[in-house]
Amino acid sequence: MIDSSQFVNGLWMGTILLVLGLIPGLLDRMIQGLIDSGAATRFPFPHPVRQRFFAGRAAPAPFPHRRWLTAAGMALIALTVFAYIAH
């Protein structure tokens, strides 16, 4: 059903979902990094100055631990292996 490149692609995507689901706070840190990089391009001053400028804003609420990412990663890997073996 699928060739070797699709097999490897499915394994990589499943592994990324597993890592994002198993390591608590990783997704929060990645999102915060994207927000900080966006703020750095719009407000090109050193980080301490940006900290004082954005001090009055409320901190975003952390995302809950997403166990469904782990389940989706395992399912994707299992389906990829099944589809490759069925070939």
C-alpha atoms as a PDB file:
ATOM      1  CA  MET A   1       0.000   0.000   0.000  1.00  0.00           C
ATOM      2  CA  ILE A   2       2.777   2.506   0.842  1.00  0.00           C
ATOM      3  CA  ASP A   3       6.378   2.734  -0.297  1.00  0.00           C
ATOM      4  CA  SER A   4       9.502   3.146   1.828  1.00  0.00           C
ATOM      5  CA  SER A   5       9.533   6.974   1.717  1.00  0.00           C
ATOM      6  CA  GLN A   6       5.954   7.134   2.995  1.00  0.00           C
ATOM      7  CA  PHE A   7       6.873   4.562   5.649  1.00  0.00           C
ATOM      8  CA  VAL A   8       9.770   6.677   6.912  1.00  0.00           C
ATOM      9  CA  ASN A   9       7.616   9.814   6.790  1.00  0.00           C
ATOM     10  CA  GLY A  10       4.930   8.135   8.919  1.00  0.00           C
ATOM     11  CA  LEU A  11       7.514   6.952  11.438  1.00  0.00           C
ATOM     12  CA  TRP A  12       9.004  10.456  11.751  1.00  0.00           C
ATOM     13  CA  MET A  13       5.627  12.120  12.208  1.00  0.00           C
ATOM     14  CA  GLY A  14       4.578   9.514  14.778  1.00  0.00           C
ATOM     15  CA  THR A  15       7.844   9.948  16.674  1.00  0.00           C
ATOM     16  CA  ILE A  16       7.445  13.734  16.770  1.00  0.00           C
ATOM     17  CA  LEU A  17       3.911  13.358  18.147  1.00  0.00           C
ATOM     18  CA  LEU A  18       5.189  10.889  20.754  1.00  0.00           C
ATOM     19  CA  VAL A  19       7.929  13.273  21.884  1.00  0.00           C
ATOM     20  CA  LEU A  20       5.523  16.225  22.077  1.00  0.00           C
ATOM     21  CA  GLY A  21       3.074  14.118  24.087  1.00  0.00           C
ATOM     22  CA  LEU A  22       5.560  12.479  26.464  1.00  0.00           C
ATOM     23  CA  ILE A  23       7.689  15.459  27.495  1.00  0.00           C
ATOM     24  CA  PRO A  24       5.540  17.753  29.647  1.00  0.00           C
ATOM     25  CA  GLY A  25       5.956  21.436  28.909  1.00  0.00           C
ATOM     26  CA  LEU A  26       7.811  20.961  25.613  1.00  0.00           C
ATOM     27  CA  LEU A  27       4.930  22.287  23.552  1.00  0.00           C
ATOM     28  CA  ASP A  28       4.589  25.274  25.929  1.00  0.00           C
ATOM     29  CA  ARG A  29       8.286  26.116  25.566  1.00  0.00           C
ATOM     30  CA  MET A  30       8.091  25.857  21.781  1.00  0.00           C
ATOM     31  CA  ILE A  31       5.068  28.151  21.641  1.00  0.00           C
ATOM     32  CA  GLN A  32       6.713  30.627  24.013  1.00  0.00           C
ATOM     33  CA  GLY A  33       9.806  30.631  21.812  1.00  0.00           C
ATOM     34  CA  LEU A  34       7.686  31.466  18.783  1.00  0.00           C
ATOM     35  CA  ILE A  35       5.984  34.281  20.690  1.00  0.00           C
ATOM     36  CA  ASP A  36       9.338  35.650  21.880  1.00  0.00           C
ATOM     37  CA  SER A  37      10.844  35.535  18.389  1.00  0.00           C
ATOM     38  CA  GLY A  38       7.818  37.372  17.024  1.00  0.00           C
ATOM     39  CA  ALA A  39       8.121  39.997  19.741  1.00  0.00           C
ATOM     40  CA  ALA A  40      11.825  40.374  18.983  1.00  0.00           C
ATOM     41  CA  THR A  41      11.143  41.162  15.350  1.00  0.00           C
ATOM     42  CA  ARG A  42       8.388  43.664  16.157  1.00  0.00           C
ATOM     43  CA  PHE A  43      10.168  45.218  19.143  1.00  0.00           C
ATOM     44  CA  PRO A  44      13.917  45.126  18.343  1.00  0.00           C
ATOM     45  CA  PHE A  45      15.349  46.020  21.745  1.00  0.00           C
ATOM     46  CA  PRO A  46      17.350  43.850  24.156  1.00  0.00           C
ATOM     47  CA  HIS A  47      15.448  41.226  26.119  1.00  0.00           C
ATOM     48  CA  PRO A  48      15.454  43.119  29.498  1.00  0.00           C
ATOM     49  CA  VAL A  49      13.856  46.150  27.837  1.00  0.00           C
ATOM     50  CA  ARG A  50      11.198  43.928  26.254  1.00  0.00           C
ATOM     51  CA  GLN A  51      10.578  42.333  29.664  1.00  0.00           C
ATOM     52  CA  ARG A  52       9.817  45.747  31.178  1.00  0.00           C
ATOM     53  CA  PHE A  53       7.679  46.777  28.220  1.00  0.00           C
ATOM     54  CA  PHE A  54       5.535  43.623  28.368  1.00  0.00           C
ATOM     55  CA  ALA A  55       5.479  43.458  32.188  1.00  0.00           C
ATOM     56  CA  GLY A  56       1.886  44.680  32.495  1.00  0.00           C
ATOM     57  CA  ARG A  57       0.501  41.951  30.243  1.00  0.00           C
ATOM     58  CA  ALA A  58      -0.928  38.777  31.657  1.00  0.00           C
ATOM     59  CA  ALA A  59       1.117  35.629  31.187  1.00  0.00           C
ATOM     60  CA  PRO A  60      -0.524  33.076  28.910  1.00  0.00           C
ATOM     61  CA  ALA A  61      -1.989  30.064  30.671  1.00  0.00           C
ATOM     62  CA  PRO A  62       0.039  26.888  30.160  1.00  0.00           C
ATOM     63  CA  PHE A  63      -1.450  24.193  27.992  1.00  0.00           C
ATOM     64  CA  PRO A  64      -2.615  21.062  29.781  1.00  0.00           C
ATOM     65  CA  HIS A  65      -0.575  17.909  29.324  1.00  0.00           C
ATOM     66  CA  ARG A  66      -1.745  16.460  26.035  1.00  0.00           C
ATOM     67  CA  ARG A  67      -1.936  12.684  26.295  1.00  0.00           C
ATOM     68  CA  TRP A  68      -3.824  12.483  23.018  1.00  0.00           C
ATOM     69  CA  LEU A  69      -0.635  13.476  21.192  1.00  0.00           C
ATOM     70  CA  THR A  70       1.037  10.352  22.542  1.00  0.00           C
ATOM     71  CA  ALA A  71      -1.908   8.184  21.521  1.00  0.00           C
ATOM     72  CA  ALA A  72      -2.009   9.778  18.063  1.00  0.00           C
ATOM     73  CA  GLY A  73       1.726   9.171  17.622  1.00  0.00           C
ATOM     74  CA  MET A  74       1.436   5.512  18.604  1.00  0.00           C
ATOM     75  CA  ALA A  75      -1.568   5.046  16.315  1.00  0.00           C
ATOM     76  CA  LEU A  76       0.219   6.708  13.405  1.00  0.00           C
ATOM     77  CA  ILE A  77       3.286   4.508  13.854  1.00  0.00           C
ATOM     78  CA  ALA A  78       1.137   1.362  14.148  1.00  0.00           C
ATOM     79  CA  LEU A  79      -0.915   2.226  11.058  1.00  0.00           C
ATOM     80  CA  THR A  80       2.223   3.056   9.096  1.00  0.00           C
ATOM     81  CA  VAL A  81       3.838  -0.267   9.979  1.00  0.00           C
ATOM     82  CA  PHE A  82       0.615  -2.144   9.187  1.00  0.00           C
ATOM     83  CA  ALA A  83       0.241  -0.404   5.816  1.00  0.00           C
ATOM     84  CA  TYR A  84       3.873  -1.095   4.928  1.00  0.00           C
ATOM     85  CA  ILE A  85       3.651  -4.784   5.902  1.00  0.00           C
ATOM     86  CA  ALA A  86       0.383  -5.176   3.962  1.00  0.00           C
ATOM     87  CA  HIS A  87       2.255  -4.073   0.852  1.00  0.00           C
END
